[in-house]
């Protein structure tokens, strides 16, 4: 990963998992997306849209079953998009944390709009 001039992103990529969860929990969907896009840019990954499409495809299995509840399934669904990142690097887990939180917040907001 290249050097950054974004201290907040640097902190999200280097803090403990507990600190990451604490930092992500109060973020808005917009902030989660901004950080996710920055991570993808930094690691030279696919576009945000390509990454998100792979996650959504995993959420909608062809066999009609419900979405997986195990975060590992989402991790392995996108792992092949990042062959240049060592498996022991946790950046993809941090990316998943941000993207899943973003999705959660956007679905909740959509649900609230629909109910009004």
C-alpha atoms as a PDB file:
ATOM      1  CA  UNK A   1       0.000   0.000   0.000  1.00  0.00           C
ATOM      2  CA  UNK A   2       1.242   3.447  -0.830  1.00  0.00           C
ATOM      3  CA  UNK A   3       1.781   6.273   1.637  1.00  0.00           C
ATOM      4  CA  UNK A   4      -1.184   8.479   2.390  1.00  0.00           C
ATOM      5  CA  UNK A   5      -1.905  12.014   3.400  1.00  0.00           C
ATOM      6  CA  UNK A   6      -5.159  10.864   5.031  1.00  0.00           C
ATOM      7  CA  UNK A   7      -4.467  10.381   8.751  1.00  0.00           C
ATOM      8  CA  UNK A   8      -8.011   9.183   9.453  1.00  0.00           C
ATOM      9  CA  UNK A   9      -7.709   6.433   6.847  1.00  0.00           C
ATOM     10  CA  UNK A  10      -4.250   5.541   8.149  1.00  0.00           C
ATOM     11  CA  UNK A  11      -5.730   5.158  11.632  1.00  0.00           C
ATOM     12  CA  UNK A  12      -8.564   2.936  10.336  1.00  0.00           C
ATOM     13  CA  UNK A  13      -6.021   0.718   8.597  1.00  0.00           C
ATOM     14  CA  UNK A  14      -3.658   0.348  11.550  1.00  0.00           C
ATOM     15  CA  UNK A  15      -5.787   0.396  14.700  1.00  0.00           C
ATOM     16  CA  UNK A  16      -6.925  -2.682  16.580  1.00  0.00           C
ATOM     17  CA  UNK A  17     -10.108  -4.443  15.503  1.00  0.00           C
ATOM     18  CA  UNK A  18     -11.894  -3.138  18.597  1.00  0.00           C
ATOM     19  CA  UNK A  19     -10.856   0.427  17.764  1.00  0.00           C
ATOM     20  CA  UNK A  20     -11.975  -0.077  14.164  1.00  0.00           C
ATOM     21  CA  UNK A  21     -15.427  -1.193  15.264  1.00  0.00           C
ATOM     22  CA  UNK A  22     -15.678   1.737  17.665  1.00  0.00           C
ATOM     23  CA  UNK A  23     -14.627   4.171  14.906  1.00  0.00           C
ATOM     24  CA  UNK A  24     -16.941   2.764  12.221  1.00  0.00           C
ATOM     25  CA  UNK A  25     -20.082   2.395  14.345  1.00  0.00           C
ATOM     26  CA  UNK A  26     -20.960   6.148  14.477  1.00  0.00           C
ATOM     27  CA  UNK A  27     -19.965   6.857  10.843  1.00  0.00           C
ATOM     28  CA  UNK A  28     -22.519   7.851   8.264  1.00  0.00           C
ATOM     29  CA  UNK A  29     -23.053   5.735   5.165  1.00  0.00           C
ATOM     30  CA  UNK A  30     -21.399   8.506   3.163  1.00  0.00           C
ATOM     31  CA  UNK A  31     -18.276   8.423   5.365  1.00  0.00           C
ATOM     32  CA  UNK A  32     -18.097   4.617   5.191  1.00  0.00           C
ATOM     33  CA  UNK A  33     -18.272   4.785   1.402  1.00  0.00           C
ATOM     34  CA  UNK A  34     -15.634   7.533   1.243  1.00  0.00           C
ATOM     35  CA  UNK A  35     -13.217   5.445   3.309  1.00  0.00           C
ATOM     36  CA  UNK A  36     -13.979   2.292   1.332  1.00  0.00           C
ATOM     37  CA  UNK A  37     -13.265   4.083  -1.935  1.00  0.00           C
ATOM     38  CA  UNK A  38     -10.023   5.433  -0.465  1.00  0.00           C
ATOM     39  CA  UNK A  39      -8.944   1.935   0.569  1.00  0.00           C
ATOM     40  CA  UNK A  40      -9.679   0.559  -2.894  1.00  0.00           C
ATOM     41  CA  UNK A  41      -7.723   3.398  -4.456  1.00  0.00           C
ATOM     42  CA  UNK A  42      -4.811   2.872  -2.112  1.00  0.00           C
ATOM     43  CA  UNK A  43      -4.543  -0.888  -2.637  1.00  0.00           C
ATOM     44  CA  UNK A  44      -5.037  -0.688  -6.391  1.00  0.00           C
ATOM     45  CA  UNK A  45      -8.141  -2.777  -6.239  1.00  0.00           C
ATOM     46  CA  UNK A  46     -11.208  -2.902  -8.410  1.00  0.00           C
ATOM     47  CA  UNK A  47     -13.599   0.017  -8.530  1.00  0.00           C
ATOM     48  CA  UNK A  48     -15.995   0.501  -5.660  1.00  0.00           C
ATOM     49  CA  UNK A  49     -18.857  -0.482  -7.959  1.00  0.00           C
ATOM     50  CA  UNK A  50     -17.138  -3.737  -8.985  1.00  0.00           C
ATOM     51  CA  UNK A  51     -16.448  -4.586  -5.357  1.00  0.00           C
ATOM     52  CA  UNK A  52     -20.005  -3.785  -4.309  1.00  0.00           C
ATOM     53  CA  UNK A  53     -21.468  -5.809  -7.191  1.00  0.00           C
ATOM     54  CA  UNK A  54     -19.540  -8.865  -6.044  1.00  0.00           C
ATOM     55  CA  UNK A  55     -20.896  -8.412  -2.499  1.00  0.00           C
ATOM     56  CA  UNK A  56     -24.467  -8.025  -3.772  1.00  0.00           C
ATOM     57  CA  UNK A  57     -24.099 -11.105  -5.977  1.00  0.00           C
ATOM     58  CA  UNK A  58     -23.079 -13.072  -2.873  1.00  0.00           C
ATOM     59  CA  UNK A  59     -26.114 -11.721  -1.001  1.00  0.00           C
ATOM     60  CA  UNK A  60     -28.465 -13.052  -3.679  1.00  0.00           C
ATOM     61  CA  UNK A  61     -27.586 -16.732  -4.156  1.00  0.00           C
ATOM     62  CA  UNK A  62     -28.877 -18.372  -7.332  1.00  0.00           C
ATOM     63  CA  UNK A  63     -30.445 -21.223  -5.361  1.00  0.00           C
ATOM     64  CA  UNK A  64     -32.970 -18.836  -3.787  1.00  0.00           C
ATOM     65  CA  UNK A  65     -31.551 -19.191  -0.297  1.00  0.00           C
ATOM     66  CA  UNK A  66     -31.219 -16.153   1.926  1.00  0.00           C
ATOM     67  CA  UNK A  67     -28.050 -14.102   2.121  1.00  0.00           C
ATOM     68  CA  UNK A  68     -25.093 -15.603   3.964  1.00  0.00           C
ATOM     69  CA  UNK A  69     -24.755 -14.485   7.563  1.00  0.00           C
ATOM     70  CA  UNK A  70     -21.081 -15.406   7.840  1.00  0.00           C
ATOM     71  CA  UNK A  71     -18.788 -12.491   6.974  1.00  0.00           C
ATOM     72  CA  UNK A  72     -16.200 -15.000   5.721  1.00  0.00           C
ATOM     73  CA  UNK A  73     -18.432 -15.797   2.744  1.00  0.00           C
ATOM     74  CA  UNK A  74     -18.304 -12.167   1.650  1.00  0.00           C
ATOM     75  CA  UNK A  75     -14.551 -12.037   2.187  1.00  0.00           C
ATOM     76  CA  UNK A  76     -13.983 -15.108   0.006  1.00  0.00           C
ATOM     77  CA  UNK A  77     -16.417 -13.796  -2.625  1.00  0.00           C
ATOM     78  CA  UNK A  78     -14.149 -10.810  -3.258  1.00  0.00           C
ATOM     79  CA  UNK A  79     -10.738 -12.280  -2.457  1.00  0.00           C
ATOM     80  CA  UNK A  80      -9.969 -13.072  -6.107  1.00  0.00           C
ATOM     81  CA  UNK A  81     -10.349  -9.364  -6.961  1.00  0.00           C
ATOM     82  CA  UNK A  82      -7.189  -8.702  -4.924  1.00  0.00           C
ATOM     83  CA  UNK A  83      -4.551 -11.265  -5.956  1.00  0.00           C
ATOM     84  CA  UNK A  84      -1.803  -8.762  -5.135  1.00  0.00           C
ATOM     85  CA  UNK A  85      -2.754  -8.490  -1.448  1.00  0.00           C
ATOM     86  CA  UNK A  86      -1.269 -11.152   0.831  1.00  0.00           C
ATOM     87  CA  UNK A  87      -3.858 -13.308   2.595  1.00  0.00           C
ATOM     88  CA  UNK A  88      -2.448 -12.316   5.989  1.00  0.00           C
ATOM     89  CA  UNK A  89      -3.089  -8.602   5.331  1.00  0.00           C
ATOM     90  CA  UNK A  90      -6.326  -7.576   7.056  1.00  0.00           C
ATOM     91  CA  UNK A  91      -7.092  -4.620   4.755  1.00  0.00           C
ATOM     92  CA  UNK A  92      -9.873  -6.585   3.030  1.00  0.00           C
ATOM     93  CA  UNK A  93     -11.541  -7.299   6.351  1.00  0.00           C
ATOM     94  CA  UNK A  94     -11.412  -3.602   7.196  1.00  0.00           C
ATOM     95  CA  UNK A  95     -12.833  -2.779   3.780  1.00  0.00           C
ATOM     96  CA  UNK A  96     -15.650  -5.277   4.342  1.00  0.00           C
ATOM     97  CA  UNK A  97     -16.392  -3.702   7.721  1.00  0.00           C
ATOM     98  CA  UNK A  98     -16.874  -0.288   6.140  1.00  0.00           C
ATOM     99  CA  UNK A  99     -18.892  -1.527   3.165  1.00  0.00           C
ATOM    100  CA  UNK A 100     -21.175  -3.719   5.271  1.00  0.00           C
ATOM    101  CA  UNK A 101     -21.827  -0.836   7.676  1.00  0.00           C
ATOM    102  CA  UNK A 102     -22.559   1.440   4.730  1.00  0.00           C
ATOM    103  CA  UNK A 103     -25.023  -1.086   3.328  1.00  0.00           C
ATOM    104  CA  UNK A 104     -26.664  -1.563   6.686  1.00  0.00           C
ATOM    105  CA  UNK A 105     -27.191   2.186   7.103  1.00  0.00           C
ATOM    106  CA  UNK A 106     -28.499   2.670   3.566  1.00  0.00           C
ATOM    107  CA  UNK A 107     -30.940  -0.234   3.849  1.00  0.00           C
ATOM    108  CA  UNK A 108     -32.180   1.093   7.171  1.00  0.00           C
ATOM    109  CA  UNK A 109     -32.694   4.563   5.682  1.00  0.00           C
ATOM    110  CA  UNK A 110     -34.517   3.078   2.688  1.00  0.00           C
ATOM    111  CA  UNK A 111     -36.746   1.015   4.963  1.00  0.00           C
ATOM    112  CA  UNK A 112     -37.627   4.145   6.929  1.00  0.00           C
ATOM    113  CA  UNK A 113     -38.523   6.039   3.731  1.00  0.00           C
ATOM    114  CA  UNK A 114     -40.708   3.176   2.480  1.00  0.00           C
ATOM    115  CA  UNK A 115     -42.589   3.004   5.790  1.00  0.00           C
ATOM    116  CA  UNK A 116     -43.475   6.708   5.751  1.00  0.00           C
END
